[in-house]
N, C-alpha and C. Protein backbone atom coordinates (compact mmCIF):
# COMPACT_ATOMS: atom_id res chain seq x y z
N MET A 1 -70.81 -25.13 30.56
CA MET A 1 -70.87 -26.46 29.97
C MET A 1 -69.44 -26.96 29.77
N LYS A 2 -69.16 -28.14 30.18
CA LYS A 2 -67.82 -28.70 30.11
C LYS A 2 -67.57 -29.28 28.72
N ARG A 3 -66.41 -28.85 28.09
CA ARG A 3 -66.07 -29.35 26.76
C ARG A 3 -65.32 -30.67 26.88
N ARG A 4 -65.68 -31.58 25.99
CA ARG A 4 -65.04 -32.89 26.01
C ARG A 4 -63.75 -32.84 25.19
N ALA A 5 -62.63 -33.31 25.71
CA ALA A 5 -61.35 -33.34 25.00
C ALA A 5 -61.27 -34.59 24.13
N PHE A 6 -60.33 -34.54 23.16
CA PHE A 6 -60.10 -35.72 22.34
C PHE A 6 -59.52 -36.84 23.19
N THR A 7 -59.96 -38.03 22.91
CA THR A 7 -59.37 -39.18 23.60
C THR A 7 -58.07 -39.56 22.89
N LEU A 8 -57.29 -40.37 23.55
CA LEU A 8 -56.03 -40.82 22.96
C LEU A 8 -56.29 -41.62 21.68
N VAL A 9 -57.31 -42.43 21.68
CA VAL A 9 -57.65 -43.23 20.49
C VAL A 9 -57.99 -42.32 19.32
N GLU A 10 -58.79 -41.27 19.58
CA GLU A 10 -59.16 -40.34 18.51
C GLU A 10 -57.94 -39.62 17.95
N LEU A 11 -57.02 -39.21 18.82
CA LEU A 11 -55.79 -38.56 18.36
C LEU A 11 -54.95 -39.50 17.51
N LEU A 12 -54.85 -40.76 17.95
CA LEU A 12 -54.08 -41.73 17.17
C LEU A 12 -54.71 -41.97 15.80
N VAL A 13 -56.03 -42.01 15.73
CA VAL A 13 -56.72 -42.19 14.44
C VAL A 13 -56.41 -41.03 13.51
N VAL A 14 -56.45 -39.80 14.04
CA VAL A 14 -56.15 -38.61 13.22
C VAL A 14 -54.71 -38.66 12.72
N ILE A 15 -53.77 -39.03 13.60
CA ILE A 15 -52.37 -39.11 13.22
C ILE A 15 -52.16 -40.15 12.13
N VAL A 16 -52.83 -41.30 12.26
CA VAL A 16 -52.71 -42.35 11.25
C VAL A 16 -53.27 -41.88 9.91
N ILE A 17 -54.40 -41.20 9.93
CA ILE A 17 -55.00 -40.70 8.68
C ILE A 17 -54.08 -39.68 8.00
N VAL A 18 -53.54 -38.76 8.80
CA VAL A 18 -52.61 -37.76 8.24
C VAL A 18 -51.38 -38.45 7.65
N GLY A 19 -50.86 -39.46 8.36
CA GLY A 19 -49.70 -40.20 7.86
C GLY A 19 -49.99 -40.90 6.54
N ILE A 20 -51.17 -41.51 6.43
CA ILE A 20 -51.55 -42.19 5.19
C ILE A 20 -51.66 -41.18 4.04
N LEU A 21 -52.27 -40.03 4.32
CA LEU A 21 -52.40 -38.99 3.28
C LEU A 21 -51.03 -38.51 2.81
N LEU A 22 -50.12 -38.30 3.77
CA LEU A 22 -48.77 -37.86 3.40
C LEU A 22 -48.05 -38.91 2.57
N ALA A 23 -48.22 -40.18 2.95
CA ALA A 23 -47.57 -41.26 2.20
C ALA A 23 -48.10 -41.33 0.76
N ILE A 24 -49.39 -41.05 0.59
CA ILE A 24 -50.00 -41.07 -0.74
C ILE A 24 -49.54 -39.87 -1.57
N LEU A 25 -49.48 -38.71 -0.93
CA LEU A 25 -49.18 -37.47 -1.66
C LEU A 25 -47.69 -37.20 -1.85
N TYR A 26 -46.82 -37.80 -1.03
CA TYR A 26 -45.39 -37.47 -1.10
C TYR A 26 -44.78 -37.67 -2.48
N PRO A 27 -45.03 -38.80 -3.17
CA PRO A 27 -44.42 -38.96 -4.49
C PRO A 27 -44.80 -37.83 -5.46
N SER A 28 -46.05 -37.38 -5.39
CA SER A 28 -46.46 -36.28 -6.27
C SER A 28 -45.74 -34.99 -5.90
N PHE A 29 -45.65 -34.71 -4.59
CA PHE A 29 -44.93 -33.51 -4.14
C PHE A 29 -43.46 -33.59 -4.56
N HIS A 30 -42.86 -34.77 -4.39
CA HIS A 30 -41.45 -34.95 -4.71
C HIS A 30 -41.21 -34.69 -6.20
N LYS A 31 -42.06 -35.25 -7.06
CA LYS A 31 -41.90 -35.04 -8.50
C LYS A 31 -42.10 -33.58 -8.87
N ALA A 32 -43.06 -32.92 -8.23
CA ALA A 32 -43.31 -31.51 -8.51
C ALA A 32 -42.11 -30.65 -8.11
N ILE A 33 -41.50 -30.98 -6.97
CA ILE A 33 -40.32 -30.24 -6.51
C ILE A 33 -39.15 -30.45 -7.48
N LEU A 34 -38.95 -31.70 -7.93
CA LEU A 34 -37.88 -31.97 -8.90
C LEU A 34 -38.11 -31.19 -10.19
N LYS A 35 -39.35 -31.19 -10.67
CA LYS A 35 -39.65 -30.47 -11.92
C LYS A 35 -39.39 -28.98 -11.77
N ALA A 36 -39.76 -28.40 -10.63
CA ALA A 36 -39.53 -26.97 -10.40
C ALA A 36 -38.03 -26.67 -10.37
N LYS A 37 -37.25 -27.52 -9.71
CA LYS A 37 -35.80 -27.31 -9.66
C LYS A 37 -35.16 -27.49 -11.04
N VAL A 38 -35.64 -28.46 -11.81
CA VAL A 38 -35.13 -28.65 -13.17
C VAL A 38 -35.42 -27.42 -14.02
N SER A 39 -36.60 -26.83 -13.87
CA SER A 39 -36.93 -25.59 -14.60
C SER A 39 -35.95 -24.49 -14.26
N ARG A 40 -35.59 -24.39 -12.99
CA ARG A 40 -34.61 -23.38 -12.58
C ARG A 40 -33.25 -23.66 -13.20
N VAL A 41 -32.82 -24.94 -13.21
CA VAL A 41 -31.54 -25.31 -13.82
C VAL A 41 -31.55 -24.96 -15.30
N LEU A 42 -32.64 -25.25 -16.00
CA LEU A 42 -32.73 -24.94 -17.43
C LEU A 42 -32.59 -23.44 -17.66
N ALA A 43 -33.26 -22.64 -16.83
CA ALA A 43 -33.15 -21.18 -16.96
C ALA A 43 -31.71 -20.73 -16.74
N ASP A 44 -31.04 -21.33 -15.75
CA ASP A 44 -29.64 -20.98 -15.48
C ASP A 44 -28.73 -21.37 -16.64
N ILE A 45 -28.96 -22.56 -17.20
CA ILE A 45 -28.14 -23.02 -18.33
C ILE A 45 -28.30 -22.06 -19.51
N TYR A 46 -29.54 -21.68 -19.82
CA TYR A 46 -29.77 -20.77 -20.94
C TYR A 46 -29.11 -19.41 -20.69
N ALA A 47 -29.16 -18.94 -19.44
CA ALA A 47 -28.54 -17.65 -19.12
C ALA A 47 -27.02 -17.72 -19.29
N ILE A 48 -26.40 -18.80 -18.79
CA ILE A 48 -24.94 -18.94 -18.93
C ILE A 48 -24.56 -19.10 -20.40
N LYS A 49 -25.32 -19.90 -21.13
CA LYS A 49 -25.04 -20.10 -22.55
C LYS A 49 -25.13 -18.77 -23.31
N SER A 50 -26.19 -18.01 -23.07
CA SER A 50 -26.34 -16.72 -23.75
C SER A 50 -25.19 -15.79 -23.42
N ALA A 51 -24.79 -15.77 -22.14
CA ALA A 51 -23.67 -14.92 -21.72
C ALA A 51 -22.38 -15.35 -22.41
N ALA A 52 -22.15 -16.66 -22.52
CA ALA A 52 -20.93 -17.16 -23.17
C ALA A 52 -20.92 -16.79 -24.65
N LEU A 53 -22.08 -16.84 -25.31
CA LEU A 53 -22.13 -16.48 -26.73
C LEU A 53 -21.91 -14.99 -26.94
N VAL A 54 -22.42 -14.15 -26.04
CA VAL A 54 -22.16 -12.71 -26.14
C VAL A 54 -20.68 -12.44 -25.89
N TYR A 55 -20.10 -13.11 -24.89
CA TYR A 55 -18.66 -13.01 -24.62
C TYR A 55 -17.88 -13.33 -25.90
N TYR A 56 -18.28 -14.44 -26.55
CA TYR A 56 -17.61 -14.85 -27.79
C TYR A 56 -17.76 -13.80 -28.88
N ALA A 57 -18.96 -13.23 -29.01
CA ALA A 57 -19.19 -12.20 -30.03
C ALA A 57 -18.30 -10.97 -29.78
N ASP A 58 -18.09 -10.64 -28.51
CA ASP A 58 -17.27 -9.47 -28.16
C ASP A 58 -15.78 -9.72 -28.31
N THR A 59 -15.33 -10.92 -27.97
CA THR A 59 -13.89 -11.17 -27.85
C THR A 59 -13.33 -12.12 -28.89
N GLY A 60 -14.19 -12.88 -29.57
CA GLY A 60 -13.71 -13.86 -30.54
C GLY A 60 -13.28 -15.18 -29.93
N ARG A 61 -13.54 -15.35 -28.63
CA ARG A 61 -13.22 -16.61 -27.96
C ARG A 61 -14.15 -16.77 -26.77
N PHE A 62 -14.31 -18.01 -26.33
CA PHE A 62 -15.10 -18.27 -25.14
C PHE A 62 -14.27 -17.99 -23.90
N PRO A 63 -14.91 -17.79 -22.73
CA PRO A 63 -14.14 -17.52 -21.50
C PRO A 63 -13.18 -18.67 -21.17
N PRO A 64 -12.13 -18.37 -20.40
CA PRO A 64 -11.20 -19.43 -19.98
C PRO A 64 -11.86 -20.37 -18.97
N ASP A 65 -11.22 -21.48 -18.76
CA ASP A 65 -11.72 -22.48 -17.82
C ASP A 65 -11.68 -21.95 -16.38
N ASP A 66 -12.68 -22.32 -15.59
CA ASP A 66 -12.73 -21.92 -14.18
C ASP A 66 -11.70 -22.63 -13.31
N ASP A 67 -11.43 -23.90 -13.59
CA ASP A 67 -10.62 -24.73 -12.70
C ASP A 67 -9.24 -24.16 -12.37
N PRO A 68 -8.51 -23.59 -13.35
CA PRO A 68 -7.16 -23.13 -13.03
C PRO A 68 -7.11 -22.06 -11.94
N TYR A 69 -8.19 -21.30 -11.76
CA TYR A 69 -8.19 -20.28 -10.70
C TYR A 69 -8.00 -20.90 -9.32
N ARG A 70 -8.45 -22.15 -9.18
CA ARG A 70 -8.27 -22.85 -7.92
C ARG A 70 -6.79 -22.98 -7.56
N ASN A 71 -5.98 -23.14 -8.60
CA ASN A 71 -4.55 -23.35 -8.39
C ASN A 71 -3.84 -22.11 -7.88
N ILE A 72 -4.46 -20.95 -7.98
CA ILE A 72 -3.86 -19.74 -7.42
C ILE A 72 -4.69 -19.24 -6.23
N GLY A 73 -5.54 -20.13 -5.70
CA GLY A 73 -6.27 -19.82 -4.48
C GLY A 73 -7.55 -19.03 -4.69
N LEU A 74 -8.00 -18.89 -5.92
CA LEU A 74 -9.25 -18.17 -6.18
C LEU A 74 -10.31 -19.19 -6.54
N ILE A 75 -11.24 -19.46 -5.63
CA ILE A 75 -12.29 -20.45 -5.88
C ILE A 75 -13.59 -19.71 -6.16
N TYR A 76 -13.81 -19.41 -7.41
CA TYR A 76 -15.00 -18.66 -7.77
C TYR A 76 -15.39 -19.01 -9.19
N HIS A 77 -16.49 -19.65 -9.36
CA HIS A 77 -16.90 -20.09 -10.69
C HIS A 77 -17.53 -18.95 -11.48
N GLY A 78 -17.24 -18.95 -12.78
CA GLY A 78 -17.82 -17.96 -13.67
C GLY A 78 -17.22 -16.57 -13.54
N ILE A 79 -16.06 -16.44 -12.95
CA ILE A 79 -15.51 -15.12 -12.66
C ILE A 79 -15.29 -14.29 -13.92
N ASP A 80 -14.93 -14.94 -15.04
CA ASP A 80 -14.67 -14.19 -16.27
C ASP A 80 -15.94 -13.70 -16.95
N PHE A 81 -17.09 -14.18 -16.50
CA PHE A 81 -18.36 -13.62 -16.96
C PHE A 81 -18.68 -12.32 -16.22
N LEU A 82 -18.09 -12.16 -15.04
CA LEU A 82 -18.41 -11.03 -14.16
C LEU A 82 -17.35 -9.94 -14.18
N GLU A 83 -16.10 -10.32 -14.42
CA GLU A 83 -15.03 -9.34 -14.51
C GLU A 83 -13.97 -9.87 -15.47
N ASN A 84 -13.18 -8.97 -16.02
CA ASN A 84 -12.19 -9.37 -17.02
C ASN A 84 -10.91 -9.83 -16.33
N ARG A 85 -11.03 -10.88 -15.54
CA ARG A 85 -9.91 -11.41 -14.78
C ARG A 85 -8.78 -11.88 -15.70
N ALA A 86 -9.13 -12.44 -16.87
CA ALA A 86 -8.11 -12.96 -17.79
C ALA A 86 -7.54 -11.89 -18.70
N GLY A 87 -8.06 -10.66 -18.63
CA GLY A 87 -7.51 -9.57 -19.44
C GLY A 87 -7.73 -9.74 -20.93
N VAL A 88 -8.90 -10.22 -21.33
CA VAL A 88 -9.18 -10.50 -22.74
C VAL A 88 -9.57 -9.21 -23.48
N THR A 89 -8.95 -8.98 -24.62
CA THR A 89 -9.25 -7.81 -25.46
C THR A 89 -10.68 -7.91 -25.99
N GLY A 90 -11.41 -6.80 -25.89
CA GLY A 90 -12.79 -6.76 -26.40
C GLY A 90 -13.84 -7.08 -25.34
N TRP A 91 -13.38 -7.48 -24.14
CA TRP A 91 -14.33 -7.81 -23.06
C TRP A 91 -15.21 -6.60 -22.78
N ASN A 92 -16.53 -6.81 -22.76
CA ASN A 92 -17.48 -5.71 -22.60
C ASN A 92 -18.57 -6.09 -21.60
N GLY A 93 -18.18 -6.81 -20.55
CA GLY A 93 -19.15 -7.30 -19.57
C GLY A 93 -19.41 -6.30 -18.48
N PRO A 94 -20.01 -6.72 -17.39
CA PRO A 94 -20.27 -8.13 -17.05
C PRO A 94 -21.38 -8.75 -17.91
N TYR A 95 -21.23 -10.04 -18.13
CA TYR A 95 -22.16 -10.77 -18.97
C TYR A 95 -23.28 -11.43 -18.17
N LEU A 96 -23.12 -11.49 -16.87
CA LEU A 96 -24.15 -11.96 -15.94
C LEU A 96 -24.16 -11.03 -14.74
N ASP A 97 -25.32 -10.86 -14.10
CA ASP A 97 -25.38 -10.07 -12.87
C ASP A 97 -24.64 -10.78 -11.74
N LYS A 98 -24.80 -12.11 -11.69
CA LYS A 98 -24.10 -12.94 -10.71
C LYS A 98 -24.08 -14.36 -11.25
N TRP A 99 -23.17 -15.15 -10.72
CA TRP A 99 -23.09 -16.55 -11.14
C TRP A 99 -24.20 -17.32 -10.42
N PRO A 100 -25.03 -18.07 -11.16
CA PRO A 100 -26.18 -18.73 -10.52
C PRO A 100 -25.78 -19.85 -9.56
N LYS A 101 -26.69 -20.16 -8.64
CA LYS A 101 -26.50 -21.24 -7.67
C LYS A 101 -27.46 -22.37 -8.02
N ASN A 102 -26.92 -23.52 -8.24
CA ASN A 102 -27.69 -24.69 -8.64
C ASN A 102 -28.53 -25.21 -7.46
N PRO A 103 -29.87 -25.38 -7.65
CA PRO A 103 -30.71 -25.85 -6.54
C PRO A 103 -30.45 -27.30 -6.15
N PHE A 104 -29.71 -28.05 -6.96
CA PHE A 104 -29.38 -29.43 -6.62
C PHE A 104 -28.00 -29.54 -5.97
N CYS A 105 -27.46 -28.43 -5.53
CA CYS A 105 -26.10 -28.43 -4.98
C CYS A 105 -26.03 -27.55 -3.74
N VAL A 106 -27.05 -27.59 -2.90
CA VAL A 106 -27.11 -26.65 -1.77
C VAL A 106 -26.27 -27.08 -0.57
N ARG A 107 -25.90 -28.35 -0.49
CA ARG A 107 -25.18 -28.80 0.70
C ARG A 107 -23.68 -28.54 0.62
N VAL A 108 -23.19 -28.19 -0.56
CA VAL A 108 -21.77 -27.93 -0.73
C VAL A 108 -21.54 -26.44 -0.49
N PRO A 109 -20.52 -26.06 0.29
CA PRO A 109 -20.31 -24.64 0.59
C PRO A 109 -20.17 -23.79 -0.67
N THR A 110 -20.81 -22.63 -0.69
CA THR A 110 -20.84 -21.75 -1.85
C THR A 110 -19.44 -21.34 -2.29
N THR A 111 -18.53 -21.19 -1.34
CA THR A 111 -17.19 -20.76 -1.69
C THR A 111 -16.43 -21.82 -2.47
N TYR A 112 -16.91 -23.05 -2.42
CA TYR A 112 -16.20 -24.12 -3.10
C TYR A 112 -16.90 -24.57 -4.37
N GLU A 113 -18.21 -24.70 -4.35
CA GLU A 113 -18.92 -25.30 -5.48
C GLU A 113 -20.30 -24.67 -5.62
N SER A 114 -20.58 -24.11 -6.78
CA SER A 114 -21.89 -23.50 -7.01
C SER A 114 -22.85 -24.47 -7.68
N GLY A 115 -22.32 -25.60 -8.12
CA GLY A 115 -23.16 -26.55 -8.85
C GLY A 115 -23.14 -26.31 -10.35
N TYR A 116 -22.60 -25.15 -10.77
CA TYR A 116 -22.35 -24.88 -12.19
C TYR A 116 -20.89 -24.46 -12.30
N GLN A 117 -20.26 -24.89 -13.35
CA GLN A 117 -18.89 -24.47 -13.59
C GLN A 117 -18.71 -24.26 -15.08
N TRP A 118 -17.97 -23.24 -15.44
CA TRP A 118 -17.63 -23.03 -16.84
C TRP A 118 -16.39 -23.86 -17.16
N GLU A 119 -16.55 -24.74 -18.14
CA GLU A 119 -15.44 -25.59 -18.59
C GLU A 119 -14.93 -25.04 -19.91
N GLY A 120 -14.03 -24.06 -19.83
CA GLY A 120 -13.42 -23.50 -21.03
C GLY A 120 -12.29 -24.39 -21.51
N ILE A 121 -11.70 -24.02 -22.64
CA ILE A 121 -10.64 -24.87 -23.21
C ILE A 121 -9.28 -24.18 -23.20
N TRP A 122 -9.18 -23.05 -22.49
CA TRP A 122 -7.87 -22.41 -22.36
C TRP A 122 -7.69 -21.93 -20.92
N VAL A 123 -6.44 -21.68 -20.56
CA VAL A 123 -6.09 -21.35 -19.18
C VAL A 123 -5.85 -19.85 -19.06
N PRO A 124 -6.45 -19.20 -18.06
CA PRO A 124 -6.20 -17.77 -17.89
C PRO A 124 -4.74 -17.50 -17.50
N PRO A 125 -4.22 -16.33 -17.89
CA PRO A 125 -2.83 -16.01 -17.57
C PRO A 125 -2.55 -16.07 -16.06
N GLY A 126 -1.38 -16.57 -15.72
CA GLY A 126 -0.97 -16.64 -14.31
C GLY A 126 -1.43 -17.88 -13.59
N CYS A 127 -2.14 -18.75 -14.28
CA CYS A 127 -2.62 -20.00 -13.65
C CYS A 127 -1.89 -21.19 -14.25
N PRO A 128 -1.41 -22.10 -13.41
CA PRO A 128 -0.75 -23.29 -13.96
C PRO A 128 -1.76 -24.19 -14.68
N ASP A 129 -1.31 -24.78 -15.75
CA ASP A 129 -2.16 -25.67 -16.55
C ASP A 129 -1.91 -27.10 -16.07
N VAL A 130 -2.80 -27.62 -15.23
CA VAL A 130 -2.53 -28.91 -14.61
C VAL A 130 -3.54 -30.00 -14.97
N THR A 131 -4.50 -29.68 -15.82
CA THR A 131 -5.52 -30.68 -16.11
C THR A 131 -6.07 -30.48 -17.51
N THR A 132 -6.94 -31.37 -17.94
CA THR A 132 -7.62 -31.22 -19.22
C THR A 132 -8.79 -30.27 -19.04
N HIS A 133 -9.04 -29.44 -20.03
CA HIS A 133 -10.10 -28.45 -19.92
C HIS A 133 -11.20 -28.75 -20.93
N GLY A 134 -12.39 -28.19 -20.67
CA GLY A 134 -13.53 -28.50 -21.52
C GLY A 134 -13.99 -29.92 -21.28
N PHE A 135 -14.77 -30.45 -22.22
CA PHE A 135 -15.27 -31.83 -22.10
C PHE A 135 -15.19 -32.47 -23.47
N ASP A 136 -14.82 -33.73 -23.52
CA ASP A 136 -14.69 -34.44 -24.79
C ASP A 136 -16.05 -34.95 -25.24
N PHE A 137 -16.61 -34.27 -26.24
CA PHE A 137 -17.90 -34.67 -26.80
C PHE A 137 -17.73 -35.63 -27.97
N GLY A 138 -16.51 -36.17 -28.12
CA GLY A 138 -16.25 -37.09 -29.21
C GLY A 138 -15.52 -36.43 -30.36
N ASN A 139 -15.34 -35.12 -30.29
CA ASN A 139 -14.61 -34.38 -31.31
C ASN A 139 -13.47 -33.60 -30.66
N GLY A 140 -12.96 -34.08 -29.58
CA GLY A 140 -11.98 -33.32 -28.80
C GLY A 140 -12.70 -32.50 -27.74
N ASN A 141 -11.95 -31.90 -26.86
CA ASN A 141 -12.55 -31.14 -25.77
C ASN A 141 -13.13 -29.83 -26.28
N GLU A 142 -14.34 -29.51 -25.79
CA GLU A 142 -15.05 -28.32 -26.23
C GLU A 142 -15.55 -27.56 -25.01
N PRO A 143 -15.79 -26.22 -25.16
CA PRO A 143 -16.32 -25.45 -24.03
C PRO A 143 -17.73 -25.90 -23.67
N CYS A 144 -18.02 -25.89 -22.38
CA CYS A 144 -19.33 -26.36 -21.94
C CYS A 144 -19.64 -25.87 -20.53
N ILE A 145 -20.88 -26.06 -20.13
CA ILE A 145 -21.33 -25.76 -18.77
C ILE A 145 -21.40 -27.09 -18.03
N GLU A 146 -20.71 -27.17 -16.90
CA GLU A 146 -20.79 -28.36 -16.06
C GLU A 146 -21.91 -28.16 -15.05
N ILE A 147 -22.80 -29.16 -14.94
CA ILE A 147 -23.97 -29.07 -14.06
C ILE A 147 -23.89 -30.20 -13.05
N GLY A 148 -23.82 -29.85 -11.77
CA GLY A 148 -23.74 -30.86 -10.72
C GLY A 148 -25.12 -31.17 -10.14
N ILE A 149 -25.44 -32.44 -10.04
CA ILE A 149 -26.67 -32.90 -9.38
C ILE A 149 -26.20 -33.72 -8.18
N LEU A 150 -26.08 -33.09 -7.01
CA LEU A 150 -25.38 -33.71 -5.89
C LEU A 150 -26.27 -34.11 -4.72
N ASP A 151 -27.37 -33.42 -4.52
CA ASP A 151 -28.14 -33.57 -3.27
C ASP A 151 -29.25 -34.61 -3.35
N LEU A 152 -29.10 -35.60 -4.23
CA LEU A 152 -30.15 -36.59 -4.42
C LEU A 152 -29.57 -38.00 -4.38
N ASN A 153 -30.46 -38.98 -4.21
CA ASN A 153 -30.02 -40.36 -4.33
C ASN A 153 -29.76 -40.68 -5.81
N LEU A 154 -29.16 -41.82 -6.09
CA LEU A 154 -28.77 -42.17 -7.45
C LEU A 154 -29.96 -42.16 -8.41
N GLU A 155 -31.07 -42.76 -8.01
CA GLU A 155 -32.24 -42.83 -8.90
C GLU A 155 -32.72 -41.44 -9.29
N ASP A 156 -32.78 -40.53 -8.31
CA ASP A 156 -33.25 -39.17 -8.62
C ASP A 156 -32.20 -38.38 -9.42
N ARG A 157 -30.91 -38.62 -9.15
CA ARG A 157 -29.89 -37.95 -9.97
C ARG A 157 -30.03 -38.35 -11.42
N MET A 158 -30.21 -39.65 -11.68
CA MET A 158 -30.40 -40.14 -13.04
C MET A 158 -31.64 -39.51 -13.66
N ARG A 159 -32.73 -39.48 -12.90
CA ARG A 159 -33.98 -38.90 -13.39
C ARG A 159 -33.80 -37.44 -13.77
N VAL A 160 -33.13 -36.67 -12.91
CA VAL A 160 -32.96 -35.24 -13.17
C VAL A 160 -32.08 -35.02 -14.40
N HIS A 161 -30.96 -35.74 -14.51
CA HIS A 161 -30.11 -35.58 -15.69
C HIS A 161 -30.88 -35.90 -16.97
N LEU A 162 -31.69 -36.94 -16.94
CA LEU A 162 -32.46 -37.29 -18.14
C LEU A 162 -33.55 -36.26 -18.43
N MET A 163 -34.14 -35.68 -17.39
CA MET A 163 -35.12 -34.60 -17.59
C MET A 163 -34.46 -33.40 -18.26
N ILE A 164 -33.26 -33.05 -17.80
CA ILE A 164 -32.53 -31.93 -18.40
C ILE A 164 -32.19 -32.26 -19.86
N ASP A 165 -31.69 -33.48 -20.08
CA ASP A 165 -31.30 -33.89 -21.42
C ASP A 165 -32.49 -33.85 -22.38
N LYS A 166 -33.64 -34.34 -21.94
CA LYS A 166 -34.83 -34.31 -22.80
C LYS A 166 -35.28 -32.90 -23.12
N ALA A 167 -35.10 -31.99 -22.16
CA ALA A 167 -35.56 -30.61 -22.34
C ALA A 167 -34.66 -29.82 -23.29
N ILE A 168 -33.34 -30.09 -23.29
CA ILE A 168 -32.45 -29.24 -24.08
C ILE A 168 -31.69 -30.00 -25.16
N ASP A 169 -31.88 -31.33 -25.22
CA ASP A 169 -31.10 -32.09 -26.20
C ASP A 169 -31.91 -33.27 -26.72
N ASP A 170 -31.26 -34.45 -26.79
CA ASP A 170 -31.85 -35.61 -27.45
C ASP A 170 -32.36 -36.69 -26.50
N GLY A 171 -32.22 -36.48 -25.18
CA GLY A 171 -32.68 -37.49 -24.23
C GLY A 171 -31.74 -38.66 -24.05
N ASN A 172 -30.59 -38.63 -24.71
CA ASN A 172 -29.59 -39.69 -24.60
C ASN A 172 -28.37 -39.13 -23.88
N HIS A 173 -28.10 -39.62 -22.68
CA HIS A 173 -27.03 -39.03 -21.86
C HIS A 173 -25.63 -39.34 -22.35
N THR A 174 -25.50 -40.16 -23.41
CA THR A 174 -24.18 -40.49 -23.94
C THR A 174 -23.93 -39.87 -25.31
N ALA A 175 -24.89 -39.08 -25.81
CA ALA A 175 -24.74 -38.49 -27.15
C ALA A 175 -25.33 -37.08 -27.15
N GLY A 176 -25.07 -36.35 -28.22
CA GLY A 176 -25.66 -35.03 -28.36
C GLY A 176 -24.90 -33.94 -27.62
N ASN A 177 -25.58 -32.83 -27.34
CA ASN A 177 -24.96 -31.66 -26.71
C ASN A 177 -24.99 -31.71 -25.19
N TYR A 178 -25.71 -32.65 -24.61
CA TYR A 178 -25.73 -32.83 -23.15
C TYR A 178 -25.28 -34.25 -22.85
N ARG A 179 -24.19 -34.36 -22.08
CA ARG A 179 -23.65 -35.69 -21.74
C ARG A 179 -23.48 -35.78 -20.24
N VAL A 180 -23.63 -36.98 -19.72
CA VAL A 180 -23.43 -37.23 -18.29
C VAL A 180 -22.13 -38.00 -18.12
N ARG A 181 -21.28 -37.53 -17.20
CA ARG A 181 -20.06 -38.26 -16.87
C ARG A 181 -20.41 -39.25 -15.77
N VAL A 182 -20.52 -40.51 -16.13
CA VAL A 182 -20.86 -41.54 -15.16
C VAL A 182 -19.56 -42.04 -14.52
N GLU A 183 -19.37 -41.67 -13.26
CA GLU A 183 -18.13 -41.97 -12.56
C GLU A 183 -18.16 -43.40 -12.01
N PRO A 184 -17.01 -43.91 -11.56
CA PRO A 184 -16.98 -45.25 -10.97
C PRO A 184 -18.02 -45.37 -9.85
N GLY A 185 -18.75 -46.46 -9.83
CA GLY A 185 -19.81 -46.63 -8.85
C GLY A 185 -21.14 -46.10 -9.37
N ASN A 186 -21.21 -45.74 -10.69
CA ASN A 186 -22.45 -45.29 -11.30
C ASN A 186 -23.02 -44.06 -10.58
N GLU A 187 -22.18 -43.06 -10.34
CA GLU A 187 -22.57 -41.92 -9.50
C GLU A 187 -23.49 -40.92 -10.17
N TRP A 188 -23.32 -40.62 -11.47
CA TRP A 188 -24.19 -39.69 -12.19
C TRP A 188 -24.22 -38.30 -11.55
N TYR A 189 -23.08 -37.78 -11.11
CA TYR A 189 -23.08 -36.47 -10.46
C TYR A 189 -23.05 -35.31 -11.45
N TRP A 190 -22.29 -35.43 -12.56
CA TRP A 190 -22.00 -34.27 -13.39
C TRP A 190 -22.51 -34.44 -14.81
N GLY A 191 -23.19 -33.39 -15.30
CA GLY A 191 -23.61 -33.32 -16.69
C GLY A 191 -22.87 -32.17 -17.37
N TYR A 192 -22.74 -32.25 -18.69
CA TYR A 192 -22.00 -31.24 -19.46
C TYR A 192 -22.84 -30.83 -20.67
N TYR A 193 -23.07 -29.52 -20.77
CA TYR A 193 -23.84 -29.00 -21.90
C TYR A 193 -22.92 -28.20 -22.81
N ARG A 194 -22.76 -28.68 -24.04
CA ARG A 194 -21.87 -28.04 -25.00
C ARG A 194 -22.37 -26.65 -25.36
N VAL A 195 -21.45 -25.69 -25.34
CA VAL A 195 -21.75 -24.33 -25.79
C VAL A 195 -20.86 -24.07 -26.99
N SER A 196 -21.46 -23.88 -28.13
CA SER A 196 -20.70 -23.74 -29.36
C SER A 196 -21.40 -22.78 -30.29
N ILE A 197 -20.64 -22.15 -31.17
CA ILE A 197 -21.27 -21.33 -32.20
C ILE A 197 -21.82 -22.21 -33.31
N ASN A 198 -21.41 -23.48 -33.32
CA ASN A 198 -21.92 -24.45 -34.29
C ASN A 198 -22.37 -25.72 -33.57
N PRO A 199 -23.46 -25.66 -32.75
CA PRO A 199 -23.87 -26.86 -32.02
C PRO A 199 -24.26 -27.98 -32.98
N ARG A 200 -23.93 -29.22 -32.58
CA ARG A 200 -24.22 -30.37 -33.43
C ARG A 200 -25.57 -30.95 -33.08
């Protein structure tokens, strides 16, 4: 018995139906993916914060800023959580198994940017002090975790920063312990989460 094949019209109808279904479901899938990635970012933030507080308990100070290492050719974020590069007395780490990789920062090479950076307020020995360290939360610069949201359009970057802010702070990107640095052109790339023994 000869089997009848699909006609071109039938194939086009199926393709159109599948396309319509995808168009209907895509926003839900997109939101679910963003929520899953935000959950991962929150877990990473809590892990880095806990590690920084243990570091502080052991040494009496928070780790040094990551940025100065760039000036001596070492591009590696969170290195003082993993090894005592700064030679701090009382260091009893490693405080993390590895430095986490931000799911919103996958297009930037790992050797340059992990999507998270420790913004300490002092410079490790042997590194030139060429910039401001920490982040100004309105009371002077304080130690914090810098969180990059790079792989999205502006609307989604804003959405993700506000989702993070609502989950760990007050939902206001200009106040509280989580702030967004809105760069020229309304870019919304970088958020900063204050790590303090006396959070406000």
